[in-house]
Amino acid sequence: MPNCTRGDMEFGRLGRCTIEANFEGGALSSDGGLMLLRQVDRRIGLSVR
């Protein structure tokens, strides 16, 4: 099976922090990222806007 993902993805900056993700975590739950995105969305209020 080919590897179709890049090593790292950058989502920009939030204050002094750089937000980035990579896909080298091995076998992880596929829904863990959704919980993180939900918390980020609640904090910055993107969906409300």
PDB file of N, CA and C in Angstrom:
ATOM      1  N   MET A   1       0.856  -1.180   0.000  1.00  0.00           N
ATOM      2  CA  MET A   1       0.000   0.000   0.000  1.00  0.00           C
ATOM      3  C   MET A   1       0.896   1.236   0.000  1.00  0.00           C
ATOM      4  N   PRO A   2       0.660   2.182  -0.881  1.00  0.00           N
ATOM      5  CA  PRO A   2       1.509   3.381  -0.932  1.00  0.00           C
ATOM      6  C   PRO A   2       1.267   4.307   0.251  1.00  0.00           C
ATOM      7  N   ASN A   3       2.291   5.042   0.607  1.00  0.00           N
ATOM      8  CA  ASN A   3       2.188   6.040   1.666  1.00  0.00           C
ATOM      9  C   ASN A   3       1.772   7.363   1.022  1.00  0.00           C
ATOM     10  N   CYS A   4       0.518   7.770   1.215  1.00  0.00           N
ATOM     11  CA  CYS A   4      -0.026   8.949   0.532  1.00  0.00           C
ATOM     12  C   CYS A   4      -0.058  10.198   1.405  1.00  0.00           C
ATOM     13  N   THR A   5       0.496  10.141   2.595  1.00  0.00           N
ATOM     14  CA  THR A   5       0.463  11.303   3.472  1.00  0.00           C
ATOM     15  C   THR A   5       1.839  11.927   3.576  1.00  0.00           C
ATOM     16  N   ARG A   6       1.849  13.218   3.736  1.00  0.00           N
ATOM     17  CA  ARG A   6       3.095  13.937   3.968  1.00  0.00           C
ATOM     18  C   ARG A   6       3.531  13.693   5.395  1.00  0.00           C
ATOM     19  N   GLY A   7       4.785  13.976   5.676  1.00  0.00           N
ATOM     20  CA  GLY A   7       5.293  13.798   7.025  1.00  0.00           C
ATOM     21  C   GLY A   7       4.652  14.738   8.022  1.00  0.00           C
ATOM     22  N   ASP A   8       4.609  16.018   7.735  1.00  0.00           N
ATOM     23  CA  ASP A   8       4.069  17.018   8.653  1.00  0.00           C
ATOM     24  C   ASP A   8       3.087  17.926   7.926  1.00  0.00           C
ATOM     25  N   MET A   9       2.109  18.421   8.681  1.00  0.00           N
ATOM     26  CA  MET A   9       1.183  19.421   8.160  1.00  0.00           C
ATOM     27  C   MET A   9       1.180  20.587   9.126  1.00  0.00           C
ATOM     28  N   GLU A  10       1.317  21.789   8.608  1.00  0.00           N
ATOM     29  CA  GLU A  10       1.264  22.970   9.454  1.00  0.00           C
ATOM     30  C   GLU A  10      -0.070  23.673   9.263  1.00  0.00           C
ATOM     31  N   PHE A  11      -0.683  24.088  10.391  1.00  0.00           N
ATOM     32  CA  PHE A  11      -1.973  24.756  10.358  1.00  0.00           C
ATOM     33  C   PHE A  11      -1.854  26.237  10.672  1.00  0.00           C
ATOM     34  N   GLY A  12      -0.651  26.728  10.839  1.00  0.00           N
ATOM     35  CA  GLY A  12      -0.457  28.143  11.120  1.00  0.00           C
ATOM     36  C   GLY A  12      -0.046  28.374  12.560  1.00  0.00           C
ATOM     37  N   ARG A  13      -0.260  29.580  13.016  1.00  0.00           N
ATOM     38  CA  ARG A  13       0.159  29.969  14.353  1.00  0.00           C
ATOM     39  C   ARG A  13      -1.035  30.422  15.176  1.00  0.00           C
ATOM     40  N   LEU A  14      -0.945  30.210  16.466  1.00  0.00           N
ATOM     41  CA  LEU A  14      -1.924  30.694  17.423  1.00  0.00           C
ATOM     42  C   LEU A  14      -1.117  31.379  18.519  1.00  0.00           C
ATOM     43  N   GLY A  15      -1.033  32.702  18.431  1.00  0.00           N
ATOM     44  CA  GLY A  15      -0.155  33.431  19.345  1.00  0.00           C
ATOM     45  C   GLY A  15       1.297  33.097  19.032  1.00  0.00           C
ATOM     46  N   ARG A  16       2.023  32.645  20.041  1.00  0.00           N
ATOM     47  CA  ARG A  16       3.417  32.257  19.830  1.00  0.00           C
ATOM     48  C   ARG A  16       3.575  30.785  19.496  1.00  0.00           C
ATOM     49  N   CYS A  17       2.489  30.029  19.439  1.00  0.00           N
ATOM     50  CA  CYS A  17       2.542  28.585  19.210  1.00  0.00           C
ATOM     51  C   CYS A  17       2.290  28.260  17.742  1.00  0.00           C
ATOM     52  N   THR A  18       3.040  27.315  17.224  1.00  0.00           N
ATOM     53  CA  THR A  18       2.810  26.788  15.885  1.00  0.00           C
ATOM     54  C   THR A  18       1.975  25.527  16.009  1.00  0.00           C
ATOM     55  N   ILE A  19       0.897  25.438  15.248  1.00  0.00           N
ATOM     56  CA  ILE A  19       0.023  24.267  15.280  1.00  0.00           C
ATOM     57  C   ILE A  19       0.391  23.390  14.097  1.00  0.00           C
ATOM     58  N   GLU A  20       0.778  22.152  14.388  1.00  0.00           N
ATOM     59  CA  GLU A  20       1.166  21.228  13.327  1.00  0.00           C
ATOM     60  C   GLU A  20       0.753  19.821  13.707  1.00  0.00           C
ATOM     61  N   ALA A  21       0.687  18.954  12.707  1.00  0.00           N
ATOM     62  CA  ALA A  21       0.320  17.557  12.919  1.00  0.00           C
ATOM     63  C   ALA A  21       1.234  16.692  12.071  1.00  0.00           C
ATOM     64  N   ASN A  22       1.432  15.454  12.518  1.00  0.00           N
ATOM     65  CA  ASN A  22       2.128  14.478  11.684  1.00  0.00           C
ATOM     66  C   ASN A  22       1.399  13.152  11.790  1.00  0.00           C
ATOM     67  N   PHE A  23       1.737  12.229  10.945  1.00  0.00           N
ATOM     68  CA  PHE A  23       1.013  10.966  10.858  1.00  0.00           C
ATOM     69  C   PHE A  23       1.928   9.800  11.197  1.00  0.00           C
ATOM     70  N   GLU A  24       2.852  10.009  12.123  1.00  0.00           N
ATOM     71  CA  GLU A  24       3.806   8.982  12.499  1.00  0.00           C
ATOM     72  C   GLU A  24       3.490   8.404  13.871  1.00  0.00           C
ATOM     73  N   GLY A  25       2.236   8.421  14.284  1.00  0.00           N
ATOM     74  CA  GLY A  25       1.852   7.972  15.609  1.00  0.00           C
ATOM     75  C   GLY A  25       1.593   6.480  15.722  1.00  0.00           C
ATOM     76  N   GLY A  26       1.641   5.753  14.631  1.00  0.00           N
ATOM     77  CA  GLY A  26       1.355   4.330  14.700  1.00  0.00           C
ATOM     78  C   GLY A  26      -0.137   4.071  14.746  1.00  0.00           C
ATOM     79  N   ALA A  27      -0.515   3.019  15.451  1.00  0.00           N
ATOM     80  CA  ALA A  27      -1.925   2.625  15.538  1.00  0.00           C
ATOM     81  C   ALA A  27      -2.614   3.467  16.608  1.00  0.00           C
ATOM     82  N   LEU A  28      -3.420   4.418  16.177  1.00  0.00           N
ATOM     83  CA  LEU A  28      -4.155   5.304  17.082  1.00  0.00           C
ATOM     84  C   LEU A  28      -5.631   5.262  16.746  1.00  0.00           C
ATOM     85  N   SER A  29      -6.447   5.682  17.676  1.00  0.00           N
ATOM     86  CA  SER A  29      -7.879   5.775  17.426  1.00  0.00           C
ATOM     87  C   SER A  29      -8.147   6.872  16.408  1.00  0.00           C
ATOM     88  N   SER A  30      -9.055   6.633  15.501  1.00  0.00           N
ATOM     89  CA  SER A  30      -9.344   7.611  14.467  1.00  0.00           C
ATOM     90  C   SER A  30     -10.219   8.754  14.969  1.00  0.00           C
ATOM     91  N   ASP A  31     -10.860   8.626  16.127  1.00  0.00           N
ATOM     92  CA  ASP A  31     -11.734   9.694  16.603  1.00  0.00           C
ATOM     93  C   ASP A  31     -11.043  10.639  17.583  1.00  0.00           C
ATOM     94  N   GLY A  32      -9.826  10.362  17.980  1.00  0.00           N
ATOM     95  CA  GLY A  32      -9.112  11.229  18.916  1.00  0.00           C
ATOM     96  C   GLY A  32      -8.893  12.625  18.367  1.00  0.00           C
ATOM     97  N   GLY A  33      -8.642  12.735  17.082  1.00  0.00           N
ATOM     98  CA  GLY A  33      -8.436  14.035  16.463  1.00  0.00           C
ATOM     99  C   GLY A  33      -9.692  14.884  16.459  1.00  0.00           C
ATOM    100  N   LEU A  34     -10.833  14.249  16.349  1.00  0.00           N
ATOM    101  CA  LEU A  34     -12.092  14.991  16.356  1.00  0.00           C
ATOM    102  C   LEU A  34     -12.349  15.634  17.709  1.00  0.00           C
ATOM    103  N   MET A  35     -11.986  14.946  18.773  1.00  0.00           N
ATOM    104  CA  MET A  35     -12.163  15.526  20.105  1.00  0.00           C
ATOM    105  C   MET A  35     -11.246  16.728  20.284  1.00  0.00           C
ATOM    106  N   LEU A  36     -10.022  16.633  19.774  1.00  0.00           N
ATOM    107  CA  LEU A  36      -9.102  17.764  19.839  1.00  0.00           C
ATOM    108  C   LEU A  36      -9.633  18.939  19.034  1.00  0.00           C
ATOM    109  N   LEU A  37     -10.106  18.668  17.813  1.00  0.00           N
ATOM    110  CA  LEU A  37     -10.653  19.745  16.987  1.00  0.00           C
ATOM    111  C   LEU A  37     -11.866  20.389  17.636  1.00  0.00           C
ATOM    112  N   ARG A  38     -12.703  19.599  18.301  1.00  0.00           N
ATOM    113  CA  ARG A  38     -13.859  20.146  18.996  1.00  0.00           C
ATOM    114  C   ARG A  38     -13.423  21.121  20.091  1.00  0.00           C
ATOM    115  N   GLN A  39     -12.406  20.752  20.853  1.00  0.00           N
ATOM    116  CA  GLN A  39     -11.938  21.621  21.923  1.00  0.00           C
ATOM    117  C   GLN A  39     -11.318  22.902  21.372  1.00  0.00           C
ATOM    118  N   VAL A  40     -10.554  22.788  20.294  1.00  0.00           N
ATOM    119  CA  VAL A  40      -9.968  23.974  19.662  1.00  0.00           C
ATOM    120  C   VAL A  40     -11.078  24.876  19.133  1.00  0.00           C
ATOM    121  N   ASP A  41     -12.086  24.271  18.488  1.00  0.00           N
ATOM    122  CA  ASP A  41     -13.202  25.052  17.950  1.00  0.00           C
ATOM    123  C   ASP A  41     -13.950  25.777  19.062  1.00  0.00           C
ATOM    124  N   ARG A  42     -14.180  25.109  20.172  1.00  0.00           N
ATOM    125  CA  ARG A  42     -14.871  25.759  21.292  1.00  0.00           C
ATOM    126  C   ARG A  42     -14.055  26.922  21.838  1.00  0.00           C
ATOM    127  N   ARG A  43     -12.743  26.755  21.880  1.00  0.00           N
ATOM    128  CA  ARG A  43     -11.893  27.808  22.439  1.00  0.00           C
ATOM    129  C   ARG A  43     -11.836  29.033  21.533  1.00  0.00           C
ATOM    130  N   ILE A  44     -11.703  28.822  20.212  1.00  0.00           N
ATOM    131  CA  ILE A  44     -11.564  29.974  19.313  1.00  0.00           C
ATOM    132  C   ILE A  44     -12.904  30.443  18.746  1.00  0.00           C
ATOM    133  N   GLY A  45     -13.969  29.635  18.900  1.00  0.00           N
ATOM    134  CA  GLY A  45     -15.302  30.048  18.472  1.00  0.00           C
ATOM    135  C   GLY A  45     -15.497  30.115  16.968  1.00  0.00           C
ATOM    136  N   LEU A  46     -14.795  29.280  16.224  1.00  0.00           N
ATOM    137  CA  LEU A  46     -14.888  29.335  14.761  1.00  0.00           C
ATOM    138  C   LEU A  46     -16.283  28.955  14.261  1.00  0.00           C
ATOM    139  N   SER A  47     -16.861  27.884  14.772  1.00  0.00           N
ATOM    140  CA  SER A  47     -18.185  27.450  14.293  1.00  0.00           C
ATOM    141  C   SER A  47     -19.278  28.440  14.636  1.00  0.00           C
ATOM    142  N   VAL A  48     -19.126  29.137  15.746  1.00  0.00           N
ATOM    143  CA  VAL A  48     -20.136  30.121  16.164  1.00  0.00           C
ATOM    144  C   VAL A  48     -20.191  31.268  15.158  1.00  0.00           C
ATOM    145  N   ARG A  49     -19.020  31.654  14.649  1.00  0.00           N
ATOM    146  CA  ARG A  49     -18.955  32.763  13.689  1.00  0.00           C
ATOM    147  C   ARG A  49     -19.542  32.336  12.380  1.00  0.00           C
TER     148      ARG A  49
END
